[in-house]
Amino acid sequence: MKNKNSPSDFFPVAYDVEEGKNYYWCSCGKSRTQPLCDRSDCGSKAVAYHAELTETVFFCGCKLTKDPPLCDGSHAQLLFDYLKNKSKK
């Protein structure tokens, strides 16, 4: 599995959201305000998330999710590949 983006983290990012508010998830990994987009690079590629409840959600940190902006567990493969490659060195 190759990631064309720069993953900001190998794990999901817990984030407290408020009911009725919109959040914009950084899809490129270059935002300084991870996991949210600071509009410095993603621009129109930022993914909108509308909070229907006040709760903690888990935004994807590795940028490989198939369910953006939320974590779907794809980071497990990324972490496995990283450790596998590291053990070969």
PDB file of N, CA and C in Angstrom:
ATOM      1  N   MET A   1       0.848  -1.181   0.000  1.00  0.00           N
ATOM      2  CA  MET A   1       0.000   0.000   0.000  1.00  0.00           C
ATOM      3  C   MET A   1       0.886   1.234   0.000  1.00  0.00           C
ATOM      4  N   LYS A   2       0.763   2.056  -0.999  1.00  0.00           N
ATOM      5  CA  LYS A   2       1.544   3.286  -1.110  1.00  0.00           C
ATOM      6  C   LYS A   2       0.645   4.468  -0.798  1.00  0.00           C
ATOM      7  N   ASN A   3       1.164   5.419  -0.046  1.00  0.00           N
ATOM      8  CA  ASN A   3       0.425   6.625   0.277  1.00  0.00           C
ATOM      9  C   ASN A   3       1.059   7.783  -0.461  1.00  0.00           C
ATOM     10  N   LYS A   4       0.318   8.397  -1.382  1.00  0.00           N
ATOM     11  CA  LYS A   4       0.839   9.529  -2.149  1.00  0.00           C
ATOM     12  C   LYS A   4       0.882  10.787  -1.295  1.00  0.00           C
ATOM     13  N   ASN A   5       0.070  10.842  -0.258  1.00  0.00           N
ATOM     14  CA  ASN A   5       0.044  12.008   0.621  1.00  0.00           C
ATOM     15  C   ASN A   5       1.118  11.859   1.687  1.00  0.00           C
ATOM     16  N   SER A   6       1.258  12.882   2.531  1.00  0.00           N
ATOM     17  CA  SER A   6       2.196  12.765   3.634  1.00  0.00           C
ATOM     18  C   SER A   6       1.389  12.520   4.895  1.00  0.00           C
ATOM     19  N   PRO A   7       1.393  11.310   5.417  1.00  0.00           N
ATOM     20  CA  PRO A   7       0.579  11.044   6.596  1.00  0.00           C
ATOM     21  C   PRO A   7       1.082  11.829   7.793  1.00  0.00           C
ATOM     22  N   SER A   8       0.173  12.507   8.461  1.00  0.00           N
ATOM     23  CA  SER A   8       0.558  13.295   9.622  1.00  0.00           C
ATOM     24  C   SER A   8       0.678  12.419  10.853  1.00  0.00           C
ATOM     25  N   ASP A   9       0.092  11.231  10.776  1.00  0.00           N
ATOM     26  CA  ASP A   9       0.081  10.364  11.943  1.00  0.00           C
ATOM     27  C   ASP A   9      -0.237   8.942  11.505  1.00  0.00           C
ATOM     28  N   PHE A  10       0.252   7.971  12.238  1.00  0.00           N
ATOM     29  CA  PHE A  10      -0.093   6.580  11.949  1.00  0.00           C
ATOM     30  C   PHE A  10      -1.430   6.194  12.573  1.00  0.00           C
ATOM     31  N   PHE A  11      -1.983   7.032  13.411  1.00  0.00           N
ATOM     32  CA  PHE A  11      -3.182   6.683  14.168  1.00  0.00           C
ATOM     33  C   PHE A  11      -4.283   7.718  13.971  1.00  0.00           C
ATOM     34  N   PRO A  12      -5.526   7.347  14.308  1.00  0.00           N
ATOM     35  CA  PRO A  12      -6.618   8.312  14.209  1.00  0.00           C
ATOM     36  C   PRO A  12      -6.427   9.444  15.220  1.00  0.00           C
ATOM     37  N   VAL A  13      -7.052  10.567  14.933  1.00  0.00           N
ATOM     38  CA  VAL A  13      -6.955  11.733  15.798  1.00  0.00           C
ATOM     39  C   VAL A  13      -8.319  11.967  16.439  1.00  0.00           C
ATOM     40  N   ALA A  14      -8.387  11.822  17.770  1.00  0.00           N
ATOM     41  CA  ALA A  14      -9.632  12.081  18.496  1.00  0.00           C
ATOM     42  C   ALA A  14      -9.864  13.587  18.507  1.00  0.00           C
ATOM     43  N   TYR A  15     -11.088  13.991  18.162  1.00  0.00           N
ATOM     44  CA  TYR A  15     -11.390  15.419  18.076  1.00  0.00           C
ATOM     45  C   TYR A  15     -12.807  15.651  18.583  1.00  0.00           C
ATOM     46  N   ASP A  16     -12.961  16.601  19.494  1.00  0.00           N
ATOM     47  CA  ASP A  16     -14.284  16.935  20.020  1.00  0.00           C
ATOM     48  C   ASP A  16     -14.984  17.886  19.065  1.00  0.00           C
ATOM     49  N   VAL A  17     -16.143  17.468  18.561  1.00  0.00           N
ATOM     50  CA  VAL A  17     -16.922  18.298  17.641  1.00  0.00           C
ATOM     51  C   VAL A  17     -18.207  18.731  18.331  1.00  0.00           C
ATOM     52  N   GLU A  18     -18.765  19.851  17.853  1.00  0.00           N
ATOM     53  CA  GLU A  18     -19.994  20.389  18.429  1.00  0.00           C
ATOM     54  C   GLU A  18     -21.134  20.275  17.433  1.00  0.00           C
ATOM     55  N   GLU A  19     -22.279  19.854  17.932  1.00  0.00           N
ATOM     56  CA  GLU A  19     -23.468  19.685  17.106  1.00  0.00           C
ATOM     57  C   GLU A  19     -23.745  20.929  16.258  1.00  0.00           C
ATOM     58  N   GLY A  20     -23.982  20.703  14.964  1.00  0.00           N
ATOM     59  CA  GLY A  20     -24.344  21.783  14.055  1.00  0.00           C
ATOM     60  C   GLY A  20     -23.177  22.509  13.409  1.00  0.00           C
ATOM     61  N   LYS A  21     -21.966  22.253  13.866  1.00  0.00           N
ATOM     62  CA  LYS A  21     -20.800  22.936  13.295  1.00  0.00           C
ATOM     63  C   LYS A  21     -20.200  22.130  12.148  1.00  0.00           C
ATOM     64  N   ASN A  22     -19.552  22.847  11.231  1.00  0.00           N
ATOM     65  CA  ASN A  22     -18.838  22.221  10.119  1.00  0.00           C
ATOM     66  C   ASN A  22     -17.341  22.255  10.398  1.00  0.00           C
ATOM     67  N   TYR A  23     -16.678  21.186  10.022  1.00  0.00           N
ATOM     68  CA  TYR A  23     -15.231  21.061  10.171  1.00  0.00           C
ATOM     69  C   TYR A  23     -14.674  20.649   8.814  1.00  0.00           C
ATOM     70  N   TYR A  24     -13.452  21.048   8.530  1.00  0.00           N
ATOM     71  CA  TYR A  24     -12.840  20.732   7.240  1.00  0.00           C
ATOM     72  C   TYR A  24     -11.555  19.952   7.487  1.00  0.00           C
ATOM     73  N   TRP A  25     -11.596  18.684   7.117  1.00  0.00           N
ATOM     74  CA  TRP A  25     -10.494  17.750   7.343  1.00  0.00           C
ATOM     75  C   TRP A  25      -9.435  17.918   6.262  1.00  0.00           C
ATOM     76  N   CYS A  26      -8.191  17.958   6.673  1.00  0.00           N
ATOM     77  CA  CYS A  26      -7.065  18.082   5.751  1.00  0.00           C
ATOM     78  C   CYS A  26      -6.841  16.744   5.057  1.00  0.00           C
ATOM     79  N   SER A  27      -6.947  16.733   3.735  1.00  0.00           N
ATOM     80  CA  SER A  27      -6.754  15.488   2.982  1.00  0.00           C
ATOM     81  C   SER A  27      -5.329  15.338   2.455  1.00  0.00           C
ATOM     82  N   CYS A  28      -4.522  16.397   2.560  1.00  0.00           N
ATOM     83  CA  CYS A  28      -3.172  16.332   1.982  1.00  0.00           C
ATOM     84  C   CYS A  28      -2.092  16.031   3.019  1.00  0.00           C
ATOM     85  N   GLY A  29      -2.373  16.254   4.298  1.00  0.00           N
ATOM     86  CA  GLY A  29      -1.395  15.984   5.345  1.00  0.00           C
ATOM     87  C   GLY A  29      -0.437  17.119   5.625  1.00  0.00           C
ATOM     88  N   LYS A  30      -0.600  18.253   4.951  1.00  0.00           N
ATOM     89  CA  LYS A  30       0.368  19.347   5.098  1.00  0.00           C
ATOM     90  C   LYS A  30      -0.109  20.487   5.991  1.00  0.00           C
ATOM     91  N   SER A  31      -1.336  20.425   6.453  1.00  0.00           N
ATOM     92  CA  SER A  31      -1.875  21.475   7.308  1.00  0.00           C
ATOM     93  C   SER A  31      -1.115  21.531   8.626  1.00  0.00           C
ATOM     94  N   ARG A  32      -0.944  22.716   9.151  1.00  0.00           N
ATOM     95  CA  ARG A  32      -0.279  22.879  10.452  1.00  0.00           C
ATOM     96  C   ARG A  32      -1.270  22.681  11.593  1.00  0.00           C
ATOM     97  N   THR A  33      -2.549  22.548  11.262  1.00  0.00           N
ATOM     98  CA  THR A  33      -3.592  22.415  12.278  1.00  0.00           C
ATOM     99  C   THR A  33      -4.275  21.051  12.179  1.00  0.00           C
ATOM    100  N   GLN A  34      -3.486  19.979  11.987  1.00  0.00           N
ATOM    101  CA  GLN A  34      -4.014  18.620  11.852  1.00  0.00           C
ATOM    102  C   GLN A  34      -4.941  18.275  13.010  1.00  0.00           C
ATOM    103  N   PRO A  35      -6.023  17.588  12.780  1.00  0.00           N
ATOM    104  CA  PRO A  35      -6.419  16.960  11.532  1.00  0.00           C
ATOM    105  C   PRO A  35      -7.202  17.889  10.603  1.00  0.00           C
ATOM    106  N   LEU A  36      -7.411  19.126  11.046  1.00  0.00           N
ATOM    107  CA  LEU A  36      -8.210  20.046  10.246  1.00  0.00           C
ATOM    108  C   LEU A  36      -7.355  20.814   9.254  1.00  0.00           C
ATOM    109  N   CYS A  37      -7.999  21.246   8.186  1.00  0.00           N
ATOM    110  CA  CYS A  37      -7.319  21.966   7.113  1.00  0.00           C
ATOM    111  C   CYS A  37      -7.139  23.433   7.484  1.00  0.00           C
ATOM    112  N   ASP A  38      -5.952  23.961   7.261  1.00  0.00           N
ATOM    113  CA  ASP A  38      -5.725  25.392   7.460  1.00  0.00           C
ATOM    114  C   ASP A  38      -5.779  26.133   6.125  1.00  0.00           C
ATOM    115  N   ARG A  39      -6.169  25.435   5.089  1.00  0.00           N
ATOM    116  CA  ARG A  39      -6.355  25.961   3.732  1.00  0.00           C
ATOM    117  C   ARG A  39      -5.061  26.454   3.093  1.00  0.00           C
ATOM    118  N   SER A  40      -3.920  26.053   3.644  1.00  0.00           N
ATOM    119  CA  SER A  40      -2.651  26.487   3.062  1.00  0.00           C
ATOM    120  C   SER A  40      -2.263  25.642   1.860  1.00  0.00           C
ATOM    121  N   ASP A  41      -2.761  24.411   1.778  1.00  0.00           N
ATOM    122  CA  ASP A  41      -2.371  23.547   0.668  1.00  0.00           C
ATOM    123  C   ASP A  41      -3.543  22.775   0.072  1.00  0.00           C
ATOM    124  N   CYS A  42      -4.389  22.179   0.906  1.00  0.00           N
ATOM    125  CA  CYS A  42      -5.502  21.355   0.401  1.00  0.00           C
ATOM    126  C   CYS A  42      -6.482  22.165  -0.435  1.00  0.00           C
ATOM    127  N   GLY A  43      -6.800  23.354   0.059  1.00  0.00           N
ATOM    128  CA  GLY A  43      -7.771  24.181  -0.647  1.00  0.00           C
ATOM    129  C   GLY A  43      -9.067  23.456  -0.884  1.00  0.00           C
ATOM    130  N   SER A  44      -9.408  23.245  -2.139  1.00  0.00           N
ATOM    131  CA  SER A  44     -10.693  22.637  -2.480  1.00  0.00           C
ATOM    132  C   SER A  44     -10.730  21.139  -2.202  1.00  0.00           C
ATOM    133  N   LYS A  45      -9.590  20.551  -1.838  1.00  0.00           N
ATOM    134  CA  LYS A  45      -9.560  19.118  -1.542  1.00  0.00           C
ATOM    135  C   LYS A  45      -9.872  18.821  -0.077  1.00  0.00           C
ATOM    136  N   ALA A  46     -10.063  19.859   0.733  1.00  0.00           N
ATOM    137  CA  ALA A  46     -10.441  19.642   2.125  1.00  0.00           C
ATOM    138  C   ALA A  46     -11.818  18.984   2.143  1.00  0.00           C
ATOM    139  N   VAL A  47     -12.021  18.069   3.080  1.00  0.00           N
ATOM    140  CA  VAL A  47     -13.273  17.317   3.153  1.00  0.00           C
ATOM    141  C   VAL A  47     -14.125  17.872   4.288  1.00  0.00           C
ATOM    142  N   ALA A  48     -15.345  18.277   3.949  1.00  0.00           N
ATOM    143  CA  ALA A  48     -16.260  18.839   4.941  1.00  0.00           C
ATOM    144  C   ALA A  48     -16.843  17.734   5.819  1.00  0.00           C
ATOM    145  N   TYR A  49     -16.985  18.039   7.099  1.00  0.00           N
ATOM    146  CA  TYR A  49     -17.640  17.136   8.047  1.00  0.00           C
ATOM    147  C   TYR A  49     -18.625  17.968   8.843  1.00  0.00           C
ATOM    148  N   HIS A  50     -19.893  17.581   8.814  1.00  0.00           N
ATOM    149  CA  HIS A  50     -20.927  18.279   9.574  1.00  0.00           C
ATOM    150  C   HIS A  50     -21.249  17.451  10.815  1.00  0.00           C
ATOM    151  N   ALA A  51     -21.042  18.041  11.981  1.00  0.00           N
ATOM    152  CA  ALA A  51     -21.291  17.332  13.240  1.00  0.00           C
ATOM    153  C   ALA A  51     -22.783  17.319  13.545  1.00  0.00           C
ATOM    154  N   GLU A  52     -23.340  16.136  13.606  1.00  0.00           N
ATOM    155  CA  GLU A  52     -24.757  16.004  13.938  1.00  0.00           C
ATOM    156  C   GLU A  52     -24.968  15.920  15.443  1.00  0.00           C
ATOM    157  N   LEU A  53     -23.909  15.592  16.176  1.00  0.00           N
ATOM    158  CA  LEU A  53     -23.959  15.498  17.631  1.00  0.00           C
ATOM    159  C   LEU A  53     -22.719  16.152  18.223  1.00  0.00           C
ATOM    160  N   THR A  54     -22.801  16.537  19.484  1.00  0.00           N
ATOM    161  CA  THR A  54     -21.609  16.957  20.210  1.00  0.00           C
ATOM    162  C   THR A  54     -20.996  15.676  20.756  1.00  0.00           C
ATOM    163  N   GLU A  55     -19.817  15.345  20.250  1.00  0.00           N
ATOM    164  CA  GLU A  55     -19.185  14.077  20.606  1.00  0.00           C
ATOM    165  C   GLU A  55     -17.720  14.098  20.195  1.00  0.00           C
ATOM    166  N   THR A  56     -17.024  13.038  20.523  1.00  0.00           N
ATOM    167  CA  THR A  56     -15.653  12.854  20.057  1.00  0.00           C
ATOM    168  C   THR A  56     -15.703  11.957  18.834  1.00  0.00           C
ATOM    169  N   VAL A  57     -15.086  12.424  17.743  1.00  0.00           N
ATOM    170  CA  VAL A  57     -14.986  11.612  16.529  1.00  0.00           C
ATOM    171  C   VAL A  57     -13.507  11.310  16.297  1.00  0.00           C
ATOM    172  N   PHE A  58     -13.255  10.340  15.449  1.00  0.00           N
ATOM    173  CA  PHE A  58     -11.876   9.961  15.151  1.00  0.00           C
ATOM    174  C   PHE A  58     -11.598  10.238  13.687  1.00  0.00           C
ATOM    175  N   PHE A  59     -10.911  11.369  13.449  1.00  0.00           N
ATOM    176  CA  PHE A  59     -10.524  11.740  12.095  1.00  0.00           C
ATOM    177  C   PHE A  59      -9.321  10.901  11.683  1.00  0.00           C
ATOM    178  N   CYS A  60      -9.257  10.563  10.412  1.00  0.00           N
ATOM    179  CA  CYS A  60      -8.140   9.798   9.874  1.00  0.00           C
ATOM    180  C   CYS A  60      -6.864  10.637   9.961  1.00  0.00           C
ATOM    181  N   GLY A  61      -5.796  10.024  10.446  1.00  0.00           N
ATOM    182  CA  GLY A  61      -4.513  10.705  10.512  1.00  0.00           C
ATOM    183  C   GLY A  61      -3.565  10.272   9.404  1.00  0.00           C
ATOM    184  N   CYS A  62      -3.769   9.056   8.887  1.00  0.00           N
ATOM    185  CA  CYS A  62      -2.837   8.527   7.882  1.00  0.00           C
ATOM    186  C   CYS A  62      -3.194   8.957   6.461  1.00  0.00           C
ATOM    187  N   LYS A  63      -4.400   9.482   6.271  1.00  0.00           N
ATOM    188  CA  LYS A  63      -4.898   9.969   4.971  1.00  0.00           C
ATOM    189  C   LYS A  63      -5.188   8.847   3.983  1.00  0.00           C
ATOM    190  N   LEU A  64      -5.305   7.604   4.463  1.00  0.00           N
ATOM    191  CA  LEU A  64      -5.593   6.472   3.582  1.00  0.00           C
ATOM    192  C   LEU A  64      -7.023   5.956   3.716  1.00  0.00           C
ATOM    193  N   THR A  65      -7.815   6.574   4.576  1.00  0.00           N
ATOM    194  CA  THR A  65      -9.178   6.107   4.806  1.00  0.00           C
ATOM    195  C   THR A  65      -9.996   6.040   3.517  1.00  0.00           C
ATOM    196  N   LYS A  66     -10.853   5.058   3.451  1.00  0.00           N
ATOM    197  CA  LYS A  66     -11.785   4.961   2.329  1.00  0.00           C
ATOM    198  C   LYS A  66     -13.114   5.606   2.702  1.00  0.00           C
ATOM    199  N   ASP A  67     -13.183   6.181   3.915  1.00  0.00           N
ATOM    200  CA  ASP A  67     -14.387   6.835   4.420  1.00  0.00           C
ATOM    201  C   ASP A  67     -14.030   8.220   4.966  1.00  0.00           C
ATOM    202  N   PRO A  68     -13.425   9.088   4.121  1.00  0.00           N
ATOM    203  CA  PRO A  68     -12.978  10.385   4.629  1.00  0.00           C
ATOM    204  C   PRO A  68     -14.156  11.212   5.147  1.00  0.00           C
ATOM    205  N   PRO A  69     -13.968  11.916   6.224  1.00  0.00           N
ATOM    206  CA  PRO A  69     -12.721  12.196   6.931  1.00  0.00           C
ATOM    207  C   PRO A  69     -12.469  11.277   8.124  1.00  0.00           C
ATOM    208  N   LEU A  70     -13.331  10.285   8.310  1.00  0.00           N
ATOM    209  CA  LEU A  70     -13.233   9.456   9.507  1.00  0.00           C
ATOM    210  C   LEU A  70     -12.304   8.260   9.315  1.00  0.00           C
ATOM    211  N   CYS A  71     -11.721   7.828  10.412  1.00  0.00           N
ATOM    212  CA  CYS A  71     -10.811   6.682  10.401  1.00  0.00           C
ATOM    213  C   CYS A  71     -11.584   5.409  10.085  1.00  0.00           C
ATOM    214  N   ASP A  72     -11.013   4.577   9.215  1.00  0.00           N
ATOM    215  CA  ASP A  72     -11.606   3.272   8.914  1.00  0.00           C
ATOM    216  C   ASP A  72     -10.643   2.126   9.231  1.00  0.00           C
ATOM    217  N   GLY A  73      -9.544   2.438   9.906  1.00  0.00           N
ATOM    218  CA  GLY A  73      -8.582   1.404  10.282  1.00  0.00           C
ATOM    219  C   GLY A  73      -7.467   1.182   9.275  1.00  0.00           C
ATOM    220  N   SER A  74      -7.445   1.957   8.190  1.00  0.00           N
ATOM    221  CA  SER A  74      -6.410   1.788   7.158  1.00  0.00           C
ATOM    222  C   SER A  74      -5.001   1.976   7.702  1.00  0.00           C
ATOM    223  N   HIS A  75      -4.869   2.715   8.801  1.00  0.00           N
ATOM    224  CA  HIS A  75      -3.549   2.959   9.381  1.00  0.00           C
ATOM    225  C   HIS A  75      -2.886   1.663   9.846  1.00  0.00           C
ATOM    226  N   ALA A  76      -3.673   0.635  10.124  1.00  0.00           N
ATOM    227  CA  ALA A  76      -3.092  -0.635  10.576  1.00  0.00           C
ATOM    228  C   ALA A  76      -2.160  -1.206   9.507  1.00  0.00           C
ATOM    229  N   GLN A  77      -2.577  -1.145   8.245  1.00  0.00           N
ATOM    230  CA  GLN A  77      -1.732  -1.646   7.155  1.00  0.00           C
ATOM    231  C   GLN A  77      -0.501  -0.756   6.983  1.00  0.00           C
ATOM    232  N   LEU A  78      -0.690   0.553   7.107  1.00  0.00           N
ATOM    233  CA  LEU A  78       0.421   1.492   6.986  1.00  0.00           C
ATOM    234  C   LEU A  78       1.468   1.226   8.067  1.00  0.00           C
ATOM    235  N   LEU A  79       1.009   1.026   9.290  1.00  0.00           N
ATOM    236  CA  LEU A  79       1.923   0.746  10.396  1.00  0.00           C
ATOM    237  C   LEU A  79       2.621  -0.597  10.194  1.00  0.00           C
ATOM    238  N   PHE A  80       1.881  -1.597   9.741  1.00  0.00           N
ATOM    239  CA  PHE A  80       2.463  -2.912   9.458  1.00  0.00           C
ATOM    240  C   PHE A  80       3.562  -2.794   8.401  1.00  0.00           C
ATOM    241  N   ASP A  81       3.275  -2.088   7.306  1.00  0.00           N
ATOM    242  CA  ASP A  81       4.264  -1.911   6.233  1.00  0.00           C
ATOM    243  C   ASP A  81       5.503  -1.177   6.737  1.00  0.00           C
ATOM    244  N   TYR A  82       5.295  -0.154   7.566  1.00  0.00           N
ATOM    245  CA  TYR A  82       6.409   0.609   8.123  1.00  0.00           C
ATOM    246  C   TYR A  82       7.312  -0.299   8.961  1.00  0.00           C
ATOM    247  N   LEU A  83       6.702  -1.076   9.846  1.00  0.00           N
ATOM    248  CA  LEU A  83       7.485  -1.959  10.712  1.00  0.00           C
ATOM    249  C   LEU A  83       8.174  -3.061   9.909  1.00  0.00           C
ATOM    250  N   LYS A  84       7.499  -3.576   8.914  1.00  0.00           N
ATOM    251  CA  LYS A  84       8.078  -4.615   8.058  1.00  0.00           C
ATOM    252  C   LYS A  84       9.311  -4.081   7.326  1.00  0.00           C
ATOM    253  N   ASN A  85       9.199  -2.883   6.759  1.00  0.00           N
ATOM    254  CA  ASN A  85      10.330  -2.272   6.042  1.00  0.00           C
ATOM    255  C   ASN A  85      11.474  -1.930   6.992  1.00  0.00           C
ATOM    256  N   LYS A  86      11.132  -1.494   8.190  1.00  0.00           N
ATOM    257  CA  LYS A  86      12.161  -1.141   9.167  1.00  0.00           C
ATOM    258  C   LYS A  86      12.945  -2.385   9.598  1.00  0.00           C
ATOM    259  N   SER A  87      12.272  -3.522   9.700  1.00  0.00           N
ATOM    260  CA  SER A  87      12.955  -4.745  10.137  1.00  0.00           C
ATOM    261  C   SER A  87      13.890  -5.298   9.059  1.00  0.00           C
ATOM    262  N   LYS A  88      13.696  -4.894   7.819  1.00  0.00           N
ATOM    263  CA  LYS A  88      14.560  -5.344   6.719  1.00  0.00           C
ATOM    264  C   LYS A  88      15.899  -4.622   6.706  1.00  0.00           C
ATOM    265  N   LYS A  89      15.981  -3.495   7.388  1.00  0.00           N
ATOM    266  CA  LYS A  89      17.208  -2.683   7.355  1.00  0.00           C
ATOM    267  C   LYS A  89      18.255  -3.201   8.293  1.00  0.00           C
TER     268      LYS A  89
END
